[in-house]
Amino acid sequence: MKVYTYSEARQKFSTVLDIAKYEDVIIKRRGGETFKIIFTKSPKSPFDVAGIKTKATTKDILNAVKESRSRVAENGD
């Protein structure tokens, strides 16, 4: 665990954040208050998905979408 005064933490803030990724970091103020910096990972977006390899062209994909939409319209859905 690393402990910094408020002034030290302010001067080395980037370093303090880097250290907080791997161990606890405590910042102490003059009045005796202490604060703990906790690293949290950002959740991934549900749209952040791996791509796939395909031989389909843009034209193939657009035709498939058009065909799918026409079937839905025919069925009245």
N, C-alpha and C. Protein backbone atom coordinates (compact mmCIF):
# COMPACT_ATOMS: atom_id res chain seq x y z
N MET A 1 0.85 -1.17 0.00
CA MET A 1 0.00 0.00 0.00
C MET A 1 0.90 1.24 0.00
N LYS A 2 0.57 2.17 -0.88
CA LYS A 2 1.30 3.44 -0.96
C LYS A 2 0.48 4.52 -0.27
N VAL A 3 1.17 5.38 0.47
CA VAL A 3 0.51 6.49 1.15
C VAL A 3 1.17 7.79 0.69
N TYR A 4 0.34 8.73 0.28
CA TYR A 4 0.82 10.03 -0.18
C TYR A 4 0.13 11.12 0.61
N THR A 5 0.81 12.24 0.76
CA THR A 5 0.12 13.42 1.28
C THR A 5 -0.68 13.99 0.10
N TYR A 6 -1.59 14.87 0.42
CA TYR A 6 -2.40 15.50 -0.62
C TYR A 6 -1.50 16.21 -1.64
N SER A 7 -0.50 16.94 -1.15
CA SER A 7 0.39 17.69 -2.05
C SER A 7 1.19 16.75 -2.96
N GLU A 8 1.71 15.66 -2.38
CA GLU A 8 2.46 14.69 -3.20
C GLU A 8 1.57 14.09 -4.27
N ALA A 9 0.37 13.70 -3.87
CA ALA A 9 -0.55 13.06 -4.81
C ALA A 9 -0.92 14.02 -5.94
N ARG A 10 -1.11 15.27 -5.60
CA ARG A 10 -1.46 16.27 -6.61
C ARG A 10 -0.32 16.45 -7.61
N GLN A 11 0.90 16.47 -7.12
CA GLN A 11 2.06 16.67 -7.99
C GLN A 11 2.34 15.46 -8.86
N LYS A 12 2.03 14.27 -8.37
CA LYS A 12 2.34 13.03 -9.08
C LYS A 12 1.07 12.27 -9.44
N PHE A 13 0.01 12.98 -9.76
CA PHE A 13 -1.30 12.34 -9.90
C PHE A 13 -1.31 11.22 -10.94
N SER A 14 -0.66 11.42 -12.07
CA SER A 14 -0.63 10.39 -13.10
C SER A 14 0.04 9.11 -12.57
N THR A 15 1.14 9.28 -11.86
CA THR A 15 1.84 8.14 -11.27
C THR A 15 0.99 7.47 -10.21
N VAL A 16 0.32 8.27 -9.40
CA VAL A 16 -0.55 7.73 -8.35
C VAL A 16 -1.63 6.85 -8.98
N LEU A 17 -2.23 7.32 -10.06
CA LEU A 17 -3.28 6.53 -10.72
C LEU A 17 -2.71 5.24 -11.31
N ASP A 18 -1.51 5.30 -11.88
CA ASP A 18 -0.89 4.10 -12.42
C ASP A 18 -0.62 3.07 -11.31
N ILE A 19 -0.15 3.53 -10.17
CA ILE A 19 0.12 2.64 -9.05
C ILE A 19 -1.18 2.03 -8.52
N ALA A 20 -2.25 2.81 -8.53
CA ALA A 20 -3.54 2.34 -8.01
C ALA A 20 -4.10 1.17 -8.81
N LYS A 21 -3.58 0.95 -10.02
CA LYS A 21 -4.02 -0.21 -10.81
C LYS A 21 -3.57 -1.51 -10.16
N TYR A 22 -2.49 -1.45 -9.38
CA TYR A 22 -1.88 -2.67 -8.86
C TYR A 22 -1.88 -2.79 -7.35
N GLU A 23 -2.04 -1.68 -6.65
CA GLU A 23 -2.06 -1.74 -5.19
C GLU A 23 -2.87 -0.58 -4.63
N ASP A 24 -3.22 -0.70 -3.34
CA ASP A 24 -3.99 0.35 -2.68
C ASP A 24 -3.18 1.64 -2.60
N VAL A 25 -3.85 2.74 -2.80
CA VAL A 25 -3.23 4.05 -2.65
C VAL A 25 -4.08 4.86 -1.68
N ILE A 26 -3.42 5.40 -0.66
CA ILE A 26 -4.09 6.21 0.34
C ILE A 26 -3.56 7.64 0.23
N ILE A 27 -4.45 8.61 0.27
CA ILE A 27 -4.06 10.01 0.27
C ILE A 27 -4.51 10.62 1.60
N LYS A 28 -3.55 11.24 2.30
CA LYS A 28 -3.85 11.84 3.60
C LYS A 28 -3.86 13.37 3.48
N ARG A 29 -4.86 13.97 4.08
CA ARG A 29 -4.93 15.43 4.16
C ARG A 29 -4.41 15.89 5.52
N ARG A 30 -4.12 17.17 5.60
CA ARG A 30 -3.60 17.74 6.85
C ARG A 30 -4.51 17.50 8.05
N GLY A 31 -5.79 17.61 7.81
CA GLY A 31 -6.77 17.44 8.90
C GLY A 31 -6.92 16.02 9.38
N GLY A 32 -6.20 15.08 8.77
CA GLY A 32 -6.29 13.68 9.19
C GLY A 32 -7.21 12.83 8.35
N GLU A 33 -7.95 13.45 7.42
CA GLU A 33 -8.83 12.66 6.55
C GLU A 33 -7.97 11.81 5.62
N THR A 34 -8.44 10.61 5.35
CA THR A 34 -7.74 9.73 4.40
C THR A 34 -8.72 9.28 3.32
N PHE A 35 -8.18 9.10 2.13
CA PHE A 35 -8.98 8.68 0.98
C PHE A 35 -8.26 7.53 0.29
N LYS A 36 -9.00 6.57 -0.17
CA LYS A 36 -8.43 5.43 -0.89
C LYS A 36 -8.82 5.54 -2.35
N ILE A 37 -7.83 5.38 -3.22
CA ILE A 37 -8.10 5.37 -4.67
C ILE A 37 -8.23 3.92 -5.10
N ILE A 38 -9.34 3.62 -5.76
CA ILE A 38 -9.63 2.25 -6.21
C ILE A 38 -9.74 2.23 -7.72
N PHE A 39 -8.99 1.34 -8.34
CA PHE A 39 -9.04 1.16 -9.79
C PHE A 39 -10.22 0.27 -10.15
N THR A 40 -11.01 0.70 -11.13
CA THR A 40 -12.09 -0.14 -11.64
C THR A 40 -12.00 -0.17 -13.16
N LYS A 41 -12.22 -1.33 -13.71
CA LYS A 41 -12.21 -1.46 -15.17
C LYS A 41 -13.54 -0.97 -15.72
N SER A 42 -13.47 -0.31 -16.85
CA SER A 42 -14.70 0.14 -17.50
C SER A 42 -15.37 -1.06 -18.15
N PRO A 43 -16.69 -1.15 -17.99
CA PRO A 43 -17.38 -2.26 -18.65
C PRO A 43 -17.30 -2.08 -20.17
N LYS A 44 -17.19 -3.21 -20.85
CA LYS A 44 -17.14 -3.15 -22.31
C LYS A 44 -18.54 -2.86 -22.87
N SER A 45 -18.55 -2.22 -23.99
CA SER A 45 -19.81 -1.93 -24.67
C SER A 45 -20.38 -3.23 -25.24
N PRO A 46 -21.69 -3.41 -25.19
CA PRO A 46 -22.27 -4.61 -25.82
C PRO A 46 -22.07 -4.60 -27.33
N PHE A 47 -21.71 -3.47 -27.89
CA PHE A 47 -21.46 -3.38 -29.33
C PHE A 47 -20.01 -3.66 -29.68
N ASP A 48 -19.17 -3.87 -28.67
CA ASP A 48 -17.76 -4.16 -28.88
C ASP A 48 -17.60 -5.67 -29.09
N VAL A 49 -17.90 -6.12 -30.29
CA VAL A 49 -17.84 -7.54 -30.60
C VAL A 49 -16.78 -7.78 -31.68
N ALA A 50 -16.23 -8.97 -31.64
CA ALA A 50 -15.22 -9.33 -32.64
C ALA A 50 -15.88 -9.47 -34.01
N GLY A 51 -15.17 -9.06 -35.03
CA GLY A 51 -15.67 -9.19 -36.40
C GLY A 51 -15.55 -10.63 -36.87
N ILE A 52 -16.19 -10.91 -37.99
CA ILE A 52 -16.10 -12.25 -38.58
C ILE A 52 -15.58 -12.13 -40.00
N LYS A 53 -14.95 -13.18 -40.46
CA LYS A 53 -14.45 -13.23 -41.83
C LYS A 53 -15.56 -13.84 -42.70
N THR A 54 -15.84 -13.22 -43.81
CA THR A 54 -16.85 -13.73 -44.72
C THR A 54 -16.50 -13.30 -46.14
N LYS A 55 -17.00 -14.06 -47.09
CA LYS A 55 -16.78 -13.70 -48.49
C LYS A 55 -17.96 -12.90 -49.05
N ALA A 56 -18.93 -12.62 -48.16
CA ALA A 56 -20.11 -11.86 -48.59
C ALA A 56 -19.69 -10.43 -48.91
N THR A 57 -20.25 -9.92 -49.98
CA THR A 57 -19.97 -8.54 -50.36
C THR A 57 -21.05 -7.64 -49.76
N THR A 58 -20.83 -6.36 -49.84
CA THR A 58 -21.83 -5.41 -49.37
C THR A 58 -23.14 -5.61 -50.13
N LYS A 59 -23.02 -5.87 -51.41
CA LYS A 59 -24.22 -6.11 -52.23
C LYS A 59 -24.97 -7.34 -51.74
N ASP A 60 -24.24 -8.41 -51.40
CA ASP A 60 -24.89 -9.63 -50.88
C ASP A 60 -25.65 -9.34 -49.59
N ILE A 61 -25.02 -8.59 -48.72
CA ILE A 61 -25.65 -8.28 -47.43
C ILE A 61 -26.88 -7.41 -47.62
N LEU A 62 -26.78 -6.40 -48.47
CA LEU A 62 -27.94 -5.53 -48.73
C LEU A 62 -29.08 -6.30 -49.36
N ASN A 63 -28.77 -7.21 -50.27
CA ASN A 63 -29.81 -8.04 -50.89
C ASN A 63 -30.48 -8.95 -49.85
N ALA A 64 -29.70 -9.51 -48.93
CA ALA A 64 -30.26 -10.37 -47.89
C ALA A 64 -31.18 -9.56 -46.98
N VAL A 65 -30.78 -8.35 -46.62
CA VAL A 65 -31.63 -7.50 -45.77
C VAL A 65 -32.91 -7.14 -46.51
N LYS A 66 -32.79 -6.78 -47.77
CA LYS A 66 -33.96 -6.41 -48.58
C LYS A 66 -34.93 -7.59 -48.69
N GLU A 67 -34.39 -8.77 -48.93
CA GLU A 67 -35.23 -9.97 -49.05
C GLU A 67 -35.92 -10.28 -47.72
N SER A 68 -35.19 -10.15 -46.63
CA SER A 68 -35.76 -10.40 -45.31
C SER A 68 -36.89 -9.43 -45.01
N ARG A 69 -36.70 -8.17 -45.35
CA ARG A 69 -37.72 -7.16 -45.09
C ARG A 69 -38.95 -7.37 -45.96
N SER A 70 -38.75 -7.84 -47.17
CA SER A 70 -39.91 -8.07 -48.03
C SER A 70 -40.74 -9.25 -47.54
N ARG A 71 -40.08 -10.26 -46.96
CA ARG A 71 -40.81 -11.41 -46.40
C ARG A 71 -41.64 -10.97 -45.19
N VAL A 72 -41.10 -10.09 -44.36
CA VAL A 72 -41.83 -9.59 -43.20
C VAL A 72 -43.05 -8.80 -43.67
N ALA A 73 -42.87 -7.97 -44.70
CA ALA A 73 -43.99 -7.17 -45.20
C ALA A 73 -45.08 -8.06 -45.80
N GLU A 74 -44.69 -9.14 -46.47
CA GLU A 74 -45.67 -10.05 -47.06
C GLU A 74 -46.48 -10.78 -46.00
N ASN A 75 -45.84 -11.11 -44.89
CA ASN A 75 -46.51 -11.85 -43.82
C ASN A 75 -47.31 -10.94 -42.90
N GLY A 76 -47.16 -9.63 -43.07
CA GLY A 76 -47.92 -8.67 -42.28
C GLY A 76 -47.42 -8.54 -40.86
N ASP A 77 -46.20 -8.92 -40.59
CA ASP A 77 -45.65 -8.85 -39.23
C ASP A 77 -45.16 -7.48 -38.91
